[in-house]
Amino acid sequence: MSGAELELWSLDELCDHAFAIFEELAEENLSVEDYALYQQHASASAYVDLVPAIDDWVDMIAMDIDPELHVEAHIGLADVNGAAEMVLARILLSKEKYETLCHARWRGQE
């Protein structure tokens, strides 16, 4: 399938997708303290930032990262000014809607 035929997530959809994955997996992958902190502050200060995927994923997933098709979502808690204060998870996602690629690196497990 050529790149023109791929159905890609919008940026908002990617953010929603990343949060859904995070919410599903956070309790079993974060420390009890980090998960409790997230639960306590999520409504006021949870954030997701989409950034270009970096090459440190290559060792973990044993495949090349295509910047046109992959994105990294940083999910965490922001400070009172809205700046990222604590990254709780880095999630590698495919921008393609029907690609199931998803890998996560959790705070305290890297």
C-alpha atoms as a PDB file:
ATOM      1  CA  MET A   1       0.000   0.000   0.000  1.00  0.00           C
ATOM      2  CA  SER A   2       1.469   3.378  -0.897  1.00  0.00           C
ATOM      3  CA  GLY A   3       1.669   6.277   1.545  1.00  0.00           C
ATOM      4  CA  ALA A   4      -1.132   8.077  -0.310  1.00  0.00           C
ATOM      5  CA  GLU A   5      -3.514   5.194   0.466  1.00  0.00           C
ATOM      6  CA  LEU A   6      -2.815   4.994   4.194  1.00  0.00           C
ATOM      7  CA  GLU A   7      -5.478   6.213   6.559  1.00  0.00           C
ATOM      8  CA  LEU A   8      -3.685   8.260   9.215  1.00  0.00           C
ATOM      9  CA  TRP A   9      -4.839   9.433  12.634  1.00  0.00           C
ATOM     10  CA  SER A  10      -5.302  13.183  13.091  1.00  0.00           C
ATOM     11  CA  LEU A  11      -3.211  14.789  15.848  1.00  0.00           C
ATOM     12  CA  ASP A  12      -6.257  14.929  18.133  1.00  0.00           C
ATOM     13  CA  GLU A  13      -7.028  11.267  17.426  1.00  0.00           C
ATOM     14  CA  LEU A  14      -3.410  10.304  18.188  1.00  0.00           C
ATOM     15  CA  CYS A  15      -3.615  12.143  21.514  1.00  0.00           C
ATOM     16  CA  ASP A  16      -6.891  10.399  22.386  1.00  0.00           C
ATOM     17  CA  HIS A  17      -5.444   7.041  21.302  1.00  0.00           C
ATOM     18  CA  ALA A  18      -2.323   7.566  23.443  1.00  0.00           C
ATOM     19  CA  PHE A  19      -4.408   8.536  26.489  1.00  0.00           C
ATOM     20  CA  ALA A  20      -6.636   5.474  26.029  1.00  0.00           C
ATOM     21  CA  ILE A  21      -3.592   3.195  25.956  1.00  0.00           C
ATOM     22  CA  PHE A  22      -2.095   4.966  28.959  1.00  0.00           C
ATOM     23  CA  GLU A  23      -5.312   4.713  30.976  1.00  0.00           C
ATOM     24  CA  GLU A  24      -5.615   1.005  30.181  1.00  0.00           C
ATOM     25  CA  LEU A  25      -2.042   0.103  31.149  1.00  0.00           C
ATOM     26  CA  ALA A  26      -0.930   2.689  33.718  1.00  0.00           C
ATOM     27  CA  GLU A  27      -2.078   0.966  36.890  1.00  0.00           C
ATOM     28  CA  GLU A  28      -0.115  -2.208  36.156  1.00  0.00           C
ATOM     29  CA  ASN A  29       3.011  -0.462  34.842  1.00  0.00           C
ATOM     30  CA  LEU A  30       3.541   2.577  37.087  1.00  0.00           C
ATOM     31  CA  SER A  31       4.616   2.423  40.699  1.00  0.00           C
ATOM     32  CA  VAL A  32       1.785   2.627  43.207  1.00  0.00           C
ATOM     33  CA  GLU A  33       2.977   6.128  44.147  1.00  0.00           C
ATOM     34  CA  ASP A  34       3.155   7.420  40.562  1.00  0.00           C
ATOM     35  CA  TYR A  35      -0.237   5.946  39.696  1.00  0.00           C
ATOM     36  CA  ALA A  36      -1.832   7.483  42.807  1.00  0.00           C
ATOM     37  CA  LEU A  37      -0.231  10.849  41.985  1.00  0.00           C
ATOM     38  CA  TYR A  38      -1.565  10.644  38.443  1.00  0.00           C
ATOM     39  CA  GLN A  39      -5.069   9.724  39.643  1.00  0.00           C
ATOM     40  CA  GLN A  40      -5.030  12.612  42.107  1.00  0.00           C
ATOM     41  CA  HIS A  41      -3.924  15.265  39.587  1.00  0.00           C
ATOM     42  CA  ALA A  42      -5.044  13.963  36.191  1.00  0.00           C
ATOM     43  CA  SER A  43      -8.121  16.139  35.809  1.00  0.00           C
ATOM     44  CA  ALA A  44      -6.154  19.331  36.432  1.00  0.00           C
ATOM     45  CA  SER A  45      -2.713  18.649  35.014  1.00  0.00           C
ATOM     46  CA  ALA A  46      -2.526  15.554  32.779  1.00  0.00           C
ATOM     47  CA  TYR A  47      -1.035  16.198  29.365  1.00  0.00           C
ATOM     48  CA  VAL A  48       0.067  14.443  26.210  1.00  0.00           C
ATOM     49  CA  ASP A  49       2.774  15.800  23.909  1.00  0.00           C
ATOM     50  CA  LEU A  50       3.354  14.285  20.494  1.00  0.00           C
ATOM     51  CA  VAL A  51       7.015  14.379  19.510  1.00  0.00           C
ATOM     52  CA  PRO A  52       9.067  12.771  16.761  1.00  0.00           C
ATOM     53  CA  ALA A  53       9.984   9.202  17.632  1.00  0.00           C
ATOM     54  CA  ILE A  54      13.676   8.880  18.393  1.00  0.00           C
ATOM     55  CA  ASP A  55      16.003   6.048  17.512  1.00  0.00           C
ATOM     56  CA  ASP A  56      16.264   4.611  21.019  1.00  0.00           C
ATOM     57  CA  TRP A  57      13.117   2.627  20.175  1.00  0.00           C
ATOM     58  CA  VAL A  58      15.027   0.660  17.516  1.00  0.00           C
ATOM     59  CA  ASP A  59      16.811  -1.466  20.131  1.00  0.00           C
ATOM     60  CA  MET A  60      13.560  -2.210  21.920  1.00  0.00           C
ATOM     61  CA  ILE A  61      11.385  -3.104  18.940  1.00  0.00           C
ATOM     62  CA  ALA A  62      14.031  -4.349  16.489  1.00  0.00           C
ATOM     63  CA  MET A  63      12.725  -2.329  13.559  1.00  0.00           C
ATOM     64  CA  ASP A  64      13.482   1.031  12.012  1.00  0.00           C
ATOM     65  CA  ILE A  65      11.430   4.065  12.972  1.00  0.00           C
ATOM     66  CA  ASP A  66       9.850   5.918  10.053  1.00  0.00           C
ATOM     67  CA  PRO A  67       9.298   9.564  11.055  1.00  0.00           C
ATOM     68  CA  GLU A  68       6.462   9.793   8.538  1.00  0.00           C
ATOM     69  CA  LEU A  69       4.600   6.863  10.109  1.00  0.00           C
ATOM     70  CA  HIS A  70       5.623   6.832  13.793  1.00  0.00           C
ATOM     71  CA  VAL A  71       5.178   9.282  16.633  1.00  0.00           C
ATOM     72  CA  GLU A  72       6.044   9.252  20.302  1.00  0.00           C
ATOM     73  CA  ALA A  73       3.500  10.387  22.870  1.00  0.00           C
ATOM     74  CA  HIS A  74       4.759  11.694  26.210  1.00  0.00           C
ATOM     75  CA  ILE A  75       2.071  11.455  28.879  1.00  0.00           C
ATOM     76  CA  GLY A  76       2.435  12.923  32.311  1.00  0.00           C
ATOM     77  CA  LEU A  77       1.633  15.728  34.685  1.00  0.00           C
ATOM     78  CA  ALA A  78       2.211  19.429  34.090  1.00  0.00           C
ATOM     79  CA  ASP A  79       3.132  22.123  36.597  1.00  0.00           C
ATOM     80  CA  VAL A  80       0.839  25.048  37.430  1.00  0.00           C
ATOM     81  CA  ASN A  81       2.078  26.926  34.348  1.00  0.00           C
ATOM     82  CA  GLY A  82       1.213  24.018  32.038  1.00  0.00           C
ATOM     83  CA  ALA A  83       4.829  22.987  31.427  1.00  0.00           C
ATOM     84  CA  ALA A  84       5.636  19.279  31.435  1.00  0.00           C
ATOM     85  CA  GLU A  85       6.848  18.422  34.909  1.00  0.00           C
ATOM     86  CA  MET A  86       6.754  14.613  35.093  1.00  0.00           C
ATOM     87  CA  VAL A  87       6.695  12.192  32.157  1.00  0.00           C
ATOM     88  CA  LEU A  88       4.957   9.019  33.274  1.00  0.00           C
ATOM     89  CA  ALA A  89       5.061   7.179  29.958  1.00  0.00           C
ATOM     90  CA  ARG A  90       6.535   7.386  26.484  1.00  0.00           C
ATOM     91  CA  ILE A  91       4.355   5.552  24.000  1.00  0.00           C
ATOM     92  CA  LEU A  92       5.469   4.752  20.453  1.00  0.00           C
ATOM     93  CA  LEU A  93       2.513   4.742  18.068  1.00  0.00           C
ATOM     94  CA  SER A  94       1.920   4.308  14.391  1.00  0.00           C
ATOM     95  CA  LYS A  95       0.173   7.208  12.704  1.00  0.00           C
ATOM     96  CA  GLU A  96      -1.623   4.643  10.546  1.00  0.00           C
ATOM     97  CA  LYS A  97      -5.073   3.803  11.920  1.00  0.00           C
ATOM     98  CA  TYR A  98      -4.926   0.110  11.114  1.00  0.00           C
ATOM     99  CA  GLU A  99      -1.371  -0.557  12.310  1.00  0.00           C
ATOM    100  CA  THR A 100      -1.295  -2.079  15.779  1.00  0.00           C
ATOM    101  CA  LEU A 101       2.244  -0.951  16.667  1.00  0.00           C
ATOM    102  CA  CYS A 102       2.291   0.259  20.253  1.00  0.00           C
ATOM    103  CA  HIS A 103       5.178   0.137  22.688  1.00  0.00           C
ATOM    104  CA  ALA A 104       5.480   1.929  26.001  1.00  0.00           C
ATOM    105  CA  ARG A 105       8.296   2.915  28.308  1.00  0.00           C
ATOM    106  CA  TRP A 106       7.096   3.704  31.812  1.00  0.00           C
ATOM    107  CA  ARG A 107       8.579   5.999  34.450  1.00  0.00           C
ATOM    108  CA  GLY A 108      10.813   3.938  36.703  1.00  0.00           C
ATOM    109  CA  GLN A 109      11.143   1.070  34.230  1.00  0.00           C
ATOM    110  CA  GLU A 110      13.689   2.531  31.814  1.00  0.00           C
END
